[in-house]
């Protein structure tokens, strides 16, 4: 039976009235697959009707989904079925309200210097993530030449130069 290609829950941040194109991809043999989409929140559960989605190819389906109110945020699941059977675990998409993330707070800057190396430590507390996974950017410039020395992007940043 089909198996979801993404083993983790996919978080999708969306504003009200934002049109989402949610992609569900499964691995299966045989590759002739039918799909069922379902929505669930704390108050209701329903199947998405076929006009709302189309199979892109044998192994994938795309759901067009638009949150119209707060009750439209919740969990979308995609189930594939082939001649072997229905997949045991669905592909899961968590639709959450997206908003602008809050800025970093309580940033501290510490510097230590010996004769061979200068160490700089910057620590900040992350603010509200806006409903989505967030990444941070750290840039460090040489004070004399204004040349960029470090440019990092990630969830946790650490560098030595």
C-alpha atoms as a PDB file:
ATOM      1  CA  UNK A   1       0.000   0.000   0.000  1.00  0.00           C
ATOM      2  CA  UNK A   2       1.144   3.633  -0.470  1.00  0.00           C
ATOM      3  CA  UNK A   3       3.527   5.339   1.968  1.00  0.00           C
ATOM      4  CA  UNK A   4       3.872   9.101   2.472  1.00  0.00           C
ATOM      5  CA  UNK A   5       7.177  10.451   1.126  1.00  0.00           C
ATOM      6  CA  UNK A   6       7.362  12.989   3.965  1.00  0.00           C
ATOM      7  CA  UNK A   7       7.512  11.233   7.319  1.00  0.00           C
ATOM      8  CA  UNK A   8       7.160  14.441   9.369  1.00  0.00           C
ATOM      9  CA  UNK A   9       4.119  16.660   9.761  1.00  0.00           C
ATOM     10  CA  UNK A  10       4.329  19.586   7.326  1.00  0.00           C
ATOM     11  CA  UNK A  11       3.422  22.930   8.940  1.00  0.00           C
ATOM     12  CA  UNK A  12       1.822  25.443   6.576  1.00  0.00           C
ATOM     13  CA  UNK A  13       1.303  29.015   7.748  1.00  0.00           C
ATOM     14  CA  UNK A  14      -1.524  30.833   5.995  1.00  0.00           C
ATOM     15  CA  UNK A  15      -3.473  34.057   6.281  1.00  0.00           C
ATOM     16  CA  UNK A  16      -7.247  34.125   6.040  1.00  0.00           C
ATOM     17  CA  UNK A  17      -8.374  33.951   2.380  1.00  0.00           C
ATOM     18  CA  UNK A  18      -4.917  32.831   1.257  1.00  0.00           C
ATOM     19  CA  UNK A  19      -5.144  30.159  -1.446  1.00  0.00           C
ATOM     20  CA  UNK A  20      -2.975  27.173  -0.537  1.00  0.00           C
ATOM     21  CA  UNK A  21      -1.819  24.509  -2.971  1.00  0.00           C
ATOM     22  CA  UNK A  22      -1.038  21.582  -0.664  1.00  0.00           C
ATOM     23  CA  UNK A  23       1.042  18.851  -2.332  1.00  0.00           C
ATOM     24  CA  UNK A  24       0.772  15.226  -1.197  1.00  0.00           C
ATOM     25  CA  UNK A  25       3.286  12.731  -2.579  1.00  0.00           C
ATOM     26  CA  UNK A  26       3.366   9.010  -1.863  1.00  0.00           C
ATOM     27  CA  UNK A  27       5.535   6.087  -2.870  1.00  0.00           C
ATOM     28  CA  UNK A  28       3.591   3.064  -4.087  1.00  0.00           C
ATOM     29  CA  UNK A  29       3.727  -0.004  -6.270  1.00  0.00           C
ATOM     30  CA  UNK A  30       1.460  -0.378  -8.162  1.00  0.00           C
ATOM     31  CA  UNK A  31       1.398   3.327  -8.984  1.00  0.00           C
ATOM     32  CA  UNK A  32      -2.296   3.610  -9.853  1.00  0.00           C
ATOM     33  CA  UNK A  33      -3.477   5.499  -6.785  1.00  0.00           C
ATOM     34  CA  UNK A  34      -6.671   7.199  -5.705  1.00  0.00           C
ATOM     35  CA  UNK A  35      -6.496   9.910  -3.053  1.00  0.00           C
ATOM     36  CA  UNK A  36      -8.732  11.010  -0.198  1.00  0.00           C
ATOM     37  CA  UNK A  37      -8.201  14.332   1.576  1.00  0.00           C
ATOM     38  CA  UNK A  38      -9.667  14.995   5.020  1.00  0.00           C
ATOM     39  CA  UNK A  39      -9.786  18.072   7.257  1.00  0.00           C
ATOM     40  CA  UNK A  40     -10.038  18.007  11.036  1.00  0.00           C
ATOM     41  CA  UNK A  41     -10.040  20.680  13.714  1.00  0.00           C
ATOM     42  CA  UNK A  42     -11.219  20.542  17.290  1.00  0.00           C
ATOM     43  CA  UNK A  43     -14.848  20.981  16.243  1.00  0.00           C
ATOM     44  CA  UNK A  44     -15.392  19.241  12.916  1.00  0.00           C
ATOM     45  CA  UNK A  45     -14.072  16.711  10.441  1.00  0.00           C
ATOM     46  CA  UNK A  46     -14.941  16.264   6.769  1.00  0.00           C
ATOM     47  CA  UNK A  47     -13.713  14.800   3.489  1.00  0.00           C
ATOM     48  CA  UNK A  48     -12.572  17.247   0.795  1.00  0.00           C
ATOM     49  CA  UNK A  49     -14.694  16.720  -2.305  1.00  0.00           C
ATOM     50  CA  UNK A  50     -12.926  15.809  -5.587  1.00  0.00           C
ATOM     51  CA  UNK A  51     -13.510  19.206  -7.281  1.00  0.00           C
ATOM     52  CA  UNK A  52     -11.189  20.738  -4.651  1.00  0.00           C
ATOM     53  CA  UNK A  53      -8.247  18.560  -5.637  1.00  0.00           C
ATOM     54  CA  UNK A  54      -6.711  16.882  -8.649  1.00  0.00           C
ATOM     55  CA  UNK A  55      -4.167  14.127  -9.024  1.00  0.00           C
ATOM     56  CA  UNK A  56      -1.022  15.661 -10.506  1.00  0.00           C
ATOM     57  CA  UNK A  57       0.418  12.296 -11.515  1.00  0.00           C
ATOM     58  CA  UNK A  58       0.143   8.705 -10.370  1.00  0.00           C
ATOM     59  CA  UNK A  59       2.012   9.366  -7.111  1.00  0.00           C
ATOM     60  CA  UNK A  60       0.737  12.791  -6.098  1.00  0.00           C
ATOM     61  CA  UNK A  61      -2.314  14.880  -5.383  1.00  0.00           C
ATOM     62  CA  UNK A  62      -2.754  18.616  -4.889  1.00  0.00           C
ATOM     63  CA  UNK A  63      -5.457  20.121  -2.701  1.00  0.00           C
ATOM     64  CA  UNK A  64      -6.531  23.728  -3.169  1.00  0.00           C
ATOM     65  CA  UNK A  65      -7.463  24.923   0.307  1.00  0.00           C
ATOM     66  CA  UNK A  66      -8.393  28.407   1.532  1.00  0.00           C
ATOM     67  CA  UNK A  67      -8.887  29.197   5.230  1.00  0.00           C
ATOM     68  CA  UNK A  68     -11.935  31.494   5.423  1.00  0.00           C
ATOM     69  CA  UNK A  69     -12.242  31.696   9.227  1.00  0.00           C
ATOM     70  CA  UNK A  70     -10.378  30.624  12.362  1.00  0.00           C
ATOM     71  CA  UNK A  71     -12.178  27.261  12.299  1.00  0.00           C
ATOM     72  CA  UNK A  72     -10.483  26.510   8.962  1.00  0.00           C
ATOM     73  CA  UNK A  73      -7.117  26.145  10.709  1.00  0.00           C
ATOM     74  CA  UNK A  74      -6.425  22.554  11.630  1.00  0.00           C
ATOM     75  CA  UNK A  75      -5.085  19.317  10.179  1.00  0.00           C
ATOM     76  CA  UNK A  76      -5.291  18.154   6.576  1.00  0.00           C
ATOM     77  CA  UNK A  77      -4.580  14.495   5.896  1.00  0.00           C
ATOM     78  CA  UNK A  78      -4.017  12.815   2.558  1.00  0.00           C
ATOM     79  CA  UNK A  79      -4.600   9.087   2.113  1.00  0.00           C
ATOM     80  CA  UNK A  80      -3.531   7.088  -0.947  1.00  0.00           C
ATOM     81  CA  UNK A  81      -5.080   3.781  -1.945  1.00  0.00           C
ATOM     82  CA  UNK A  82      -3.897   1.337  -4.603  1.00  0.00           C
ATOM     83  CA  UNK A  83      -4.621  -2.309  -5.460  1.00  0.00           C
ATOM     84  CA  UNK A  84      -2.652  -3.408  -2.365  1.00  0.00           C
ATOM     85  CA  UNK A  85      -4.716  -1.247  -0.003  1.00  0.00           C
ATOM     86  CA  UNK A  86      -4.998   2.091   1.800  1.00  0.00           C
ATOM     87  CA  UNK A  87      -1.860   3.573   3.311  1.00  0.00           C
ATOM     88  CA  UNK A  88      -1.486   2.832   7.019  1.00  0.00           C
ATOM     89  CA  UNK A  89      -0.457   6.361   8.050  1.00  0.00           C
ATOM     90  CA  UNK A  90      -1.607   9.474   6.166  1.00  0.00           C
ATOM     91  CA  UNK A  91       0.469  12.398   4.980  1.00  0.00           C
ATOM     92  CA  UNK A  92      -0.241  15.146   7.537  1.00  0.00           C
ATOM     93  CA  UNK A  93      -0.340  18.918   6.993  1.00  0.00           C
ATOM     94  CA  UNK A  94      -0.924  21.307   9.905  1.00  0.00           C
ATOM     95  CA  UNK A  95      -2.496  24.577   8.682  1.00  0.00           C
ATOM     96  CA  UNK A  96      -1.767  27.355  11.188  1.00  0.00           C
ATOM     97  CA  UNK A  97      -2.413  31.115  11.210  1.00  0.00           C
ATOM     98  CA  UNK A  98       0.624  32.916   9.861  1.00  0.00           C
ATOM     99  CA  UNK A  99       1.684  36.299  11.132  1.00  0.00           C
ATOM    100  CA  UNK A 100       4.777  38.427  11.289  1.00  0.00           C
ATOM    101  CA  UNK A 101       7.281  36.993  13.784  1.00  0.00           C
ATOM    102  CA  UNK A 102       8.185  39.026  16.854  1.00  0.00           C
ATOM    103  CA  UNK A 103      11.701  40.466  17.076  1.00  0.00           C
ATOM    104  CA  UNK A 104      14.506  39.000  19.131  1.00  0.00           C
ATOM    105  CA  UNK A 105      14.706  40.257  22.719  1.00  0.00           C
ATOM    106  CA  UNK A 106      17.195  40.338  25.605  1.00  0.00           C
ATOM    107  CA  UNK A 107      20.224  40.270  23.318  1.00  0.00           C
ATOM    108  CA  UNK A 108      23.575  40.247  25.103  1.00  0.00           C
ATOM    109  CA  UNK A 109      26.980  40.815  23.565  1.00  0.00           C
ATOM    110  CA  UNK A 110      30.166  39.515  25.184  1.00  0.00           C
ATOM    111  CA  UNK A 111      33.659  39.917  23.847  1.00  0.00           C
ATOM    112  CA  UNK A 112      36.907  38.302  24.953  1.00  0.00           C
ATOM    113  CA  UNK A 113      40.319  38.983  23.504  1.00  0.00           C
ATOM    114  CA  UNK A 114      43.681  37.344  23.883  1.00  0.00           C
ATOM    115  CA  UNK A 115      46.763  37.790  21.708  1.00  0.00           C
ATOM    116  CA  UNK A 116      45.758  35.292  19.025  1.00  0.00           C
ATOM    117  CA  UNK A 117      41.981  35.326  18.868  1.00  0.00           C
ATOM    118  CA  UNK A 118      39.009  37.537  19.560  1.00  0.00           C
ATOM    119  CA  UNK A 119      35.842  35.802  20.686  1.00  0.00           C
ATOM    120  CA  UNK A 120      32.417  37.365  20.384  1.00  0.00           C
ATOM    121  CA  UNK A 121      29.328  35.818  21.938  1.00  0.00           C
ATOM    122  CA  UNK A 122      25.851  37.073  21.029  1.00  0.00           C
ATOM    123  CA  UNK A 123      22.829  35.565  22.755  1.00  0.00           C
ATOM    124  CA  UNK A 124      19.199  36.489  22.140  1.00  0.00           C
ATOM    125  CA  UNK A 125      15.800  35.188  23.134  1.00  0.00           C
ATOM    126  CA  UNK A 126      13.598  34.296  20.167  1.00  0.00           C
ATOM    127  CA  UNK A 127      10.207  35.974  20.020  1.00  0.00           C
ATOM    128  CA  UNK A 128       6.924  34.516  18.765  1.00  0.00           C
ATOM    129  CA  UNK A 129       7.627  32.611  15.547  1.00  0.00           C
ATOM    130  CA  UNK A 130       4.543  33.797  13.653  1.00  0.00           C
ATOM    131  CA  UNK A 131       3.214  30.264  13.425  1.00  0.00           C
ATOM    132  CA  UNK A 132       6.016  29.022  11.197  1.00  0.00           C
ATOM    133  CA  UNK A 133       9.500  27.598  11.719  1.00  0.00           C
ATOM    134  CA  UNK A 134      11.923  30.500  11.745  1.00  0.00           C
ATOM    135  CA  UNK A 135      15.553  31.023  10.858  1.00  0.00           C
ATOM    136  CA  UNK A 136      17.932  33.684  12.082  1.00  0.00           C
ATOM    137  CA  UNK A 137      20.606  35.681  10.279  1.00  0.00           C
ATOM    138  CA  UNK A 138      23.885  36.777  11.866  1.00  0.00           C
ATOM    139  CA  UNK A 139      26.287  39.061  10.037  1.00  0.00           C
ATOM    140  CA  UNK A 140      29.605  40.202  11.493  1.00  0.00           C
ATOM    141  CA  UNK A 141      31.743  42.887   9.884  1.00  0.00           C
ATOM    142  CA  UNK A 142      35.378  43.827  10.406  1.00  0.00           C
ATOM    143  CA  UNK A 143      35.305  47.156  12.273  1.00  0.00           C
ATOM    144  CA  UNK A 144      38.309  48.546  10.368  1.00  0.00           C
ATOM    145  CA  UNK A 145      37.617  47.439   6.802  1.00  0.00           C
ATOM    146  CA  UNK A 146      33.824  47.016   7.051  1.00  0.00           C
ATOM    147  CA  UNK A 147      34.347  43.731   5.217  1.00  0.00           C
ATOM    148  CA  UNK A 148      31.793  41.024   5.914  1.00  0.00           C
ATOM    149  CA  UNK A 149      33.507  38.331   8.018  1.00  0.00           C
ATOM    150  CA  UNK A 150      30.578  36.073   8.940  1.00  0.00           C
ATOM    151  CA  UNK A 151      27.203  35.539   7.306  1.00  0.00           C
ATOM    152  CA  UNK A 152      25.143  32.761   8.919  1.00  0.00           C
ATOM    153  CA  UNK A 153      21.558  31.650   8.518  1.00  0.00           C
ATOM    154  CA  UNK A 154      19.963  28.915  10.584  1.00  0.00           C
ATOM    155  CA  UNK A 155      17.855  27.915  13.547  1.00  0.00           C
ATOM    156  CA  UNK A 156      20.846  27.984  15.936  1.00  0.00           C
ATOM    157  CA  UNK A 157      23.922  29.943  14.916  1.00  0.00           C
ATOM    158  CA  UNK A 158      27.529  29.370  15.922  1.00  0.00           C
ATOM    159  CA  UNK A 159      30.725  30.343  14.154  1.00  0.00           C
ATOM    160  CA  UNK A 160      34.402  30.973  14.728  1.00  0.00           C
ATOM    161  CA  UNK A 161      36.660  32.978  12.479  1.00  0.00           C
END
